[in-house]
Amino acid sequence: MISIPHKAKQFLIVVTKLLIVGGAFYFIYNQLANNDKLDWEKFIVLFKKNQSVAGISFILLLSVLNRFFEILKWQNLVSFLHKITLPESTKQVLGALTAGLFTPNGVGEYAGKALFFEKSKAKKIVFLNLICNGIQMILTVIFGTIGLWILGYRFWVLVILLSAFGFWILGFGLKTFSIKGYSIEKLIQKINEIPKAIHQKNIFLAVCRYLIFSHQYYFLFLAFDVHLPYFTMMAAIASVYFLASSLPTFQFLDFAVKGSVAVYFFGILGVNEWIVVFISTLMWFLNVVLPVVIGSYYVMNYKVLSPTQSLRGTTQYQP
């Protein structure tokens, strides 16, 4: 096995950090500067008309709460292995978010979180992150299906329900089928090893987070003078998140995908396209860009501990 000199290893770590942070900021700038659908003049006129310190503070508060509940979810799940503090959970969530910004469907986030723990726990951390993201996706499907039903897309709902039933039957029939030692039955056993109290708290926090970011979307529409019936707008928002989350994409293109789907649904409801695009961009900026800016600090300050250092009750991050 080839041994890499310590100085060369440190140099590679620094280069990797710079590539992650530099790449993240480049993609953010590129999307904001070169999006020809963003009419900044219209935005400034509307902003001056409806500007409110209380309103801006409220929207920012929802962004903080959105990420805060994600941090609480991660802290809760990792407690299955060992307790971590809220600041440690914050470093891991925001650092991993930055690392996963330009990877397909944020898969880099899984590796990002695993780096904060010893190698022997890597598979368990990836599994816990799968549980963390999985419950959020399940809620997105449930609320999205309800939203499609409210909007009158009954055929789509029927297809979704039949597909879910088909996958359930297939999964039940193949639960003992194993690929390289992995099977659905073994996955269920691993899930059941996690205490019910942790699962229940995870579901509660995931529901809170979903309600927060979906209502942030709703309040932004109100701020842009879009007044539709509450349940109609929430149904459209739930449908947008469901369909957009079902499409393979990169985190840095998230607003473009959600924006395109949102333009379709809200266009049918008579909402101006530029307003839909702007709100989708603002949601991306508030809930992805700002956390990534903070996460960049944690990425740049990340240090790998030596193998001899104990990791019991702590992580591989050192300020």
Protein backbone atom coordinates (compact mmCIF):
# COMPACT_ATOMS: atom_id res chain seq x y z
CA MET A 1 0.00 0.00 0.00
CA ILE A 2 1.38 3.42 -1.02
CA SER A 3 1.99 5.77 1.92
CA ILE A 4 1.31 9.46 1.33
CA PRO A 5 3.71 11.84 3.14
CA HIS A 6 2.08 13.95 5.86
CA LYS A 7 2.80 17.28 4.11
CA ALA A 8 1.39 15.99 0.81
CA LYS A 9 -1.72 14.76 2.62
CA GLN A 10 -2.21 18.13 4.30
CA PHE A 11 -1.78 19.86 0.94
CA LEU A 12 -4.42 17.60 -0.66
CA ILE A 13 -6.82 18.36 2.20
CA VAL A 14 -6.35 22.13 1.73
CA VAL A 15 -6.84 21.82 -2.05
CA THR A 16 -10.00 19.76 -1.52
CA LYS A 17 -11.38 22.37 0.88
CA LEU A 18 -10.70 25.17 -1.59
CA LEU A 19 -12.29 23.21 -4.43
CA ILE A 20 -15.44 22.52 -2.41
CA VAL A 21 -15.87 26.09 -1.15
CA GLY A 22 -14.70 27.73 -4.40
CA GLY A 23 -16.94 25.47 -6.47
CA ALA A 24 -19.93 26.17 -4.23
CA PHE A 25 -19.56 29.95 -4.51
CA TYR A 26 -18.94 29.78 -8.26
CA PHE A 27 -22.13 27.81 -8.87
CA ILE A 28 -24.13 30.18 -6.64
CA TYR A 29 -22.81 33.27 -8.43
CA ASN A 30 -23.30 31.73 -11.86
CA GLN A 31 -26.94 30.87 -11.20
CA LEU A 32 -27.81 34.29 -9.76
CA ALA A 33 -25.90 36.37 -12.33
CA ASN A 34 -26.83 34.52 -15.50
CA ASN A 35 -30.50 33.73 -14.95
CA ASP A 36 -32.29 35.81 -17.61
CA LYS A 37 -35.70 35.06 -16.07
CA LEU A 38 -34.90 37.14 -13.00
CA ASP A 39 -36.21 40.66 -13.52
CA TRP A 40 -34.38 42.56 -10.78
CA GLU A 41 -36.05 45.90 -11.66
CA LYS A 42 -39.52 44.47 -11.06
CA PHE A 43 -38.30 42.88 -7.85
CA ILE A 44 -36.87 46.18 -6.54
CA VAL A 45 -40.11 48.05 -7.36
CA LEU A 46 -42.23 45.43 -5.58
CA PHE A 47 -39.79 45.22 -2.68
CA LYS A 48 -39.92 48.98 -2.09
CA LYS A 49 -43.69 48.85 -2.24
CA ASN A 50 -44.06 46.05 0.31
CA GLN A 51 -40.84 46.35 2.32
CA SER A 52 -41.27 45.65 5.99
CA VAL A 53 -38.63 45.01 8.61
CA ALA A 54 -41.03 42.72 10.47
CA GLY A 55 -41.88 40.83 7.27
CA ILE A 56 -38.23 40.35 6.24
CA SER A 57 -37.32 39.27 9.78
CA PHE A 58 -40.18 36.75 9.79
CA ILE A 59 -39.09 35.20 6.47
CA LEU A 60 -35.47 34.99 7.68
CA LEU A 61 -36.68 33.42 10.94
CA LEU A 62 -38.44 30.69 8.96
CA SER A 63 -35.16 29.96 7.12
CA VAL A 64 -33.33 29.66 10.44
CA LEU A 65 -36.05 27.37 11.83
CA ASN A 66 -36.04 25.25 8.67
CA ARG A 67 -32.34 24.45 9.03
CA PHE A 68 -32.59 24.32 12.85
CA PHE A 69 -35.11 21.48 12.72
CA GLU A 70 -32.84 19.63 10.28
CA ILE A 71 -30.00 20.04 12.77
CA LEU A 72 -32.24 18.73 15.58
CA LYS A 73 -33.21 15.75 13.41
CA TRP A 74 -29.57 14.86 12.86
CA GLN A 75 -28.67 15.29 16.53
CA ASN A 76 -31.59 13.03 17.45
CA LEU A 77 -30.60 10.27 15.00
CA VAL A 78 -26.89 10.32 15.85
CA SER A 79 -27.82 9.85 19.52
CA PHE A 80 -28.40 6.21 18.52
CA LEU A 81 -24.59 5.93 18.31
CA HIS A 82 -23.57 8.53 20.88
CA LYS A 83 -24.64 11.94 22.10
CA ILE A 84 -23.49 15.02 20.18
CA THR A 85 -24.04 18.65 21.09
CA LEU A 86 -26.16 21.09 19.10
CA PRO A 87 -23.04 22.99 17.86
CA GLU A 88 -21.51 19.68 16.68
CA SER A 89 -24.71 18.76 14.85
CA THR A 90 -24.75 22.23 13.26
CA LYS A 91 -21.18 21.81 11.97
CA GLN A 92 -21.95 18.40 10.51
CA VAL A 93 -25.23 19.40 8.81
CA LEU A 94 -23.98 22.69 7.32
CA GLY A 95 -20.56 21.33 6.39
CA ALA A 96 -22.12 18.32 4.65
CA LEU A 97 -24.63 20.57 2.87
CA THR A 98 -21.74 22.57 1.40
CA ALA A 99 -19.91 19.40 0.34
CA GLY A 100 -23.03 18.07 -1.36
CA LEU A 101 -23.97 21.27 -3.20
CA PHE A 102 -22.71 20.21 -6.62
CA THR A 103 -23.23 16.45 -6.39
CA PRO A 104 -26.28 14.65 -7.92
CA ASN A 105 -29.23 14.84 -5.51
CA GLY A 106 -26.85 15.94 -2.75
CA VAL A 107 -25.19 12.51 -2.41
CA GLY A 108 -22.00 14.29 -1.31
CA GLU A 109 -23.84 15.13 1.89
CA TYR A 110 -23.64 11.47 2.93
CA ALA A 111 -19.86 11.39 2.55
CA GLY A 112 -19.61 14.84 4.13
CA LYS A 113 -21.27 13.73 7.35
CA ALA A 114 -19.31 10.49 7.47
CA LEU A 115 -16.04 12.47 7.44
CA PHE A 116 -16.88 13.89 10.87
CA PHE A 117 -16.73 10.39 12.38
CA GLU A 118 -14.22 7.59 12.60
CA LYS A 119 -14.05 5.30 9.56
CA SER A 120 -15.52 2.32 11.46
CA LYS A 121 -18.78 4.27 11.83
CA ALA A 122 -19.01 5.44 8.21
CA LYS A 123 -21.64 2.88 7.12
CA LYS A 124 -23.79 3.61 10.19
CA ILE A 125 -23.61 7.36 9.55
CA VAL A 126 -24.61 6.90 5.91
CA PHE A 127 -27.52 4.71 7.07
CA LEU A 128 -28.67 7.31 9.63
CA ASN A 129 -28.47 10.03 7.00
CA LEU A 130 -30.62 7.83 4.75
CA ILE A 131 -33.20 7.64 7.55
CA CYS A 132 -32.93 11.40 8.09
CA ASN A 133 -33.58 12.23 4.42
CA GLY A 134 -35.94 9.31 3.89
CA ILE A 135 -38.61 10.51 6.32
CA GLN A 136 -38.52 13.97 4.72
CA MET A 137 -39.03 12.39 1.29
CA ILE A 138 -41.92 10.24 2.55
CA LEU A 139 -43.66 13.33 3.92
CA THR A 140 -43.05 15.12 0.62
CA VAL A 141 -44.75 12.26 -1.23
CA ILE A 142 -47.70 12.14 1.20
CA PHE A 143 -48.37 15.89 1.21
CA GLY A 144 -47.66 16.10 -2.53
CA THR A 145 -50.18 13.37 -3.30
CA ILE A 146 -52.80 15.16 -1.21
CA GLY A 147 -51.93 18.40 -3.01
CA LEU A 148 -52.40 16.81 -6.44
CA TRP A 149 -55.76 15.43 -5.32
CA ILE A 150 -56.93 18.87 -4.15
CA LEU A 151 -55.83 20.43 -7.46
CA GLY A 152 -57.85 17.84 -9.36
CA TYR A 153 -55.06 15.62 -10.72
CA ARG A 154 -56.94 12.45 -9.70
CA PHE A 155 -55.39 10.28 -12.43
CA TRP A 156 -51.85 11.19 -11.26
CA VAL A 157 -52.83 10.34 -7.70
CA LEU A 158 -54.19 6.96 -8.82
CA VAL A 159 -50.94 6.22 -10.67
CA ILE A 160 -48.90 7.17 -7.58
CA LEU A 161 -51.00 4.99 -5.28
CA LEU A 162 -50.89 2.02 -7.65
CA SER A 163 -47.12 2.44 -8.06
CA ALA A 164 -46.64 2.59 -4.27
CA PHE A 165 -48.79 -0.52 -3.84
CA GLY A 166 -46.82 -2.29 -6.59
CA PHE A 167 -43.48 -1.45 -4.97
CA TRP A 168 -44.83 -2.64 -1.59
CA ILE A 169 -45.91 -6.00 -3.08
CA LEU A 170 -42.58 -6.31 -4.91
CA GLY A 171 -40.64 -5.43 -1.78
CA PHE A 172 -42.60 -7.94 0.30
CA GLY A 173 -41.96 -10.68 -2.25
CA LEU A 174 -38.26 -9.91 -2.55
CA LYS A 175 -37.54 -8.99 1.07
CA THR A 176 -35.16 -11.94 1.52
CA PHE A 177 -33.46 -11.39 -1.85
CA SER A 178 -29.88 -10.37 -1.13
CA ILE A 179 -27.32 -8.40 -3.16
CA LYS A 180 -23.81 -8.47 -1.67
CA GLY A 181 -25.27 -9.18 1.75
CA TYR A 182 -27.89 -6.40 1.59
CA SER A 183 -31.62 -7.16 1.53
CA ILE A 184 -34.91 -5.43 2.34
CA GLU A 185 -35.37 -7.74 5.32
CA LYS A 186 -31.96 -6.75 6.70
CA LEU A 187 -32.76 -3.07 6.10
CA ILE A 188 -35.99 -3.41 8.09
CA GLN A 189 -34.08 -5.13 10.89
CA LYS A 190 -31.57 -2.26 10.98
CA ILE A 191 -34.37 0.30 11.09
CA ASN A 192 -36.05 -1.58 13.96
CA GLU A 193 -32.80 -1.55 15.93
CA ILE A 194 -33.21 2.21 16.34
CA PRO A 195 -35.43 2.92 19.40
CA LYS A 196 -39.04 3.92 18.67
CA ALA A 197 -38.58 7.13 20.65
CA ILE A 198 -35.89 8.28 18.18
CA HIS A 199 -38.11 7.40 15.19
CA GLN A 200 -41.08 9.23 16.70
CA LYS A 201 -39.02 12.34 17.38
CA ASN A 202 -37.54 12.15 13.88
CA ILE A 203 -41.04 12.08 12.34
CA PHE A 204 -42.23 14.98 14.52
CA LEU A 205 -39.22 17.15 13.62
CA ALA A 206 -39.58 16.27 9.93
CA VAL A 207 -43.26 17.31 9.96
CA CYS A 208 -42.34 20.60 11.67
CA ARG A 209 -39.64 21.26 9.07
CA TYR A 210 -41.99 20.52 6.19
CA LEU A 211 -44.65 22.87 7.55
CA ILE A 212 -42.03 25.60 8.04
CA PHE A 213 -40.53 25.66 4.54
CA SER A 214 -43.88 25.12 2.79
CA HIS A 215 -45.42 28.05 4.68
CA GLN A 216 -42.34 30.17 3.97
CA TYR A 217 -43.15 29.61 0.29
CA TYR A 218 -46.77 30.59 1.03
CA PHE A 219 -45.86 33.82 2.84
CA LEU A 220 -43.47 34.83 0.06
CA PHE A 221 -46.35 34.57 -2.42
CA LEU A 222 -48.41 36.81 -0.16
CA ALA A 223 -45.50 39.29 -0.04
CA PHE A 224 -45.54 39.37 -3.85
CA ASP A 225 -49.26 40.22 -3.85
CA VAL A 226 -50.39 36.74 -4.92
CA HIS A 227 -53.68 36.04 -3.18
CA LEU A 228 -55.12 32.59 -3.79
CA PRO A 229 -57.24 30.43 -1.45
CA TYR A 230 -55.04 28.99 1.30
CA PHE A 231 -55.64 25.31 0.51
CA THR A 232 -55.22 25.87 -3.24
CA MET A 233 -51.85 27.55 -2.75
CA MET A 234 -50.63 25.00 -0.21
CA ALA A 235 -51.75 22.17 -2.52
CA ALA A 236 -49.76 23.72 -5.39
CA ILE A 237 -46.69 24.16 -3.16
CA ALA A 238 -46.91 20.54 -1.95
CA SER A 239 -47.25 19.33 -5.55
CA VAL A 240 -44.24 21.37 -6.65
CA TYR A 241 -42.02 19.96 -3.89
CA PHE A 242 -43.17 16.41 -4.57
CA LEU A 243 -42.60 16.45 -8.33
CA ALA A 244 -39.38 18.50 -8.15
CA SER A 245 -37.94 16.16 -5.49
CA SER A 246 -38.70 13.18 -7.74
CA LEU A 247 -36.41 14.52 -10.48
CA PRO A 248 -32.64 13.84 -10.41
CA THR A 249 -30.79 17.12 -10.05
CA PHE A 250 -27.95 18.96 -8.32
CA GLN A 251 -28.40 21.07 -5.19
CA PHE A 252 -27.11 24.17 -6.97
CA LEU A 253 -29.78 23.68 -9.67
CA ASP A 254 -32.52 22.99 -7.13
CA PHE A 255 -34.23 26.36 -7.59
CA ALA A 256 -34.23 25.96 -11.38
CA VAL A 257 -35.97 22.57 -11.19
CA LYS A 258 -38.48 23.68 -8.55
CA GLY A 259 -38.94 26.94 -10.45
CA SER A 260 -39.80 25.13 -13.67
CA VAL A 261 -42.32 22.85 -11.96
CA ALA A 262 -43.74 25.82 -10.00
CA VAL A 263 -44.18 27.85 -13.21
CA TYR A 264 -46.36 25.03 -14.58
CA PHE A 265 -48.64 24.70 -11.55
CA PHE A 266 -48.90 28.36 -10.60
CA GLY A 267 -49.18 29.36 -14.27
CA ILE A 268 -52.40 27.34 -14.42
CA LEU A 269 -53.58 29.27 -11.36
CA GLY A 270 -52.87 32.55 -13.15
CA VAL A 271 -49.71 33.61 -11.30
CA ASN A 272 -47.16 35.67 -13.28
CA GLU A 273 -44.14 33.59 -14.35
CA TRP A 274 -41.47 36.06 -13.18
CA ILE A 275 -43.01 36.11 -9.68
CA VAL A 276 -42.91 32.30 -9.49
CA VAL A 277 -39.28 32.22 -10.68
CA PHE A 278 -38.26 34.94 -8.23
CA ILE A 279 -39.91 33.24 -5.26
CA SER A 280 -38.30 29.90 -6.16
CA THR A 281 -34.93 31.66 -6.37
CA LEU A 282 -35.47 33.39 -3.03
CA MET A 283 -36.38 30.07 -1.40
CA TRP A 284 -33.16 28.57 -2.79
CA PHE A 285 -31.11 31.56 -1.64
CA LEU A 286 -32.58 31.59 1.87
CA ASN A 287 -32.55 27.84 2.49
CA VAL A 288 -29.49 26.68 0.53
CA VAL A 289 -27.15 29.59 -0.24
CA LEU A 290 -27.12 31.17 3.23
CA PRO A 291 -26.55 27.82 5.03
CA VAL A 292 -23.79 27.00 2.50
CA VAL A 293 -22.04 30.30 3.29
CA ILE A 294 -21.97 29.30 6.97
CA GLY A 295 -21.11 25.71 6.09
CA SER A 296 -18.10 26.93 4.09
CA TYR A 297 -16.56 28.12 7.35
CA TYR A 298 -16.86 24.65 8.84
CA VAL A 299 -15.42 23.05 5.69
CA MET A 300 -12.40 25.37 5.74
CA ASN A 301 -11.82 24.65 9.45
CA TYR A 302 -12.26 20.90 9.19
CA LYS A 303 -9.32 18.86 10.46
CA VAL A 304 -8.83 15.11 10.53
CA LEU A 305 -7.93 13.70 13.92
CA SER A 306 -5.16 11.17 14.26
CA PRO A 307 -6.25 7.51 14.58
CA THR A 308 -5.01 7.40 18.20
CA GLN A 309 -7.37 10.13 19.36
CA SER A 310 -10.59 9.01 21.00
CA LEU A 311 -13.81 9.86 19.22
CA ARG A 312 -16.18 8.73 21.91
CA GLY A 313 -18.70 11.53 22.43
CA THR A 314 -17.05 13.85 19.91
CA THR A 315 -16.50 14.21 16.17
CA GLN A 316 -13.55 14.60 13.85
CA TYR A 317 -14.08 18.31 13.63
CA GLN A 318 -11.71 20.65 15.42
CA PRO A 319 -12.20 24.43 15.41
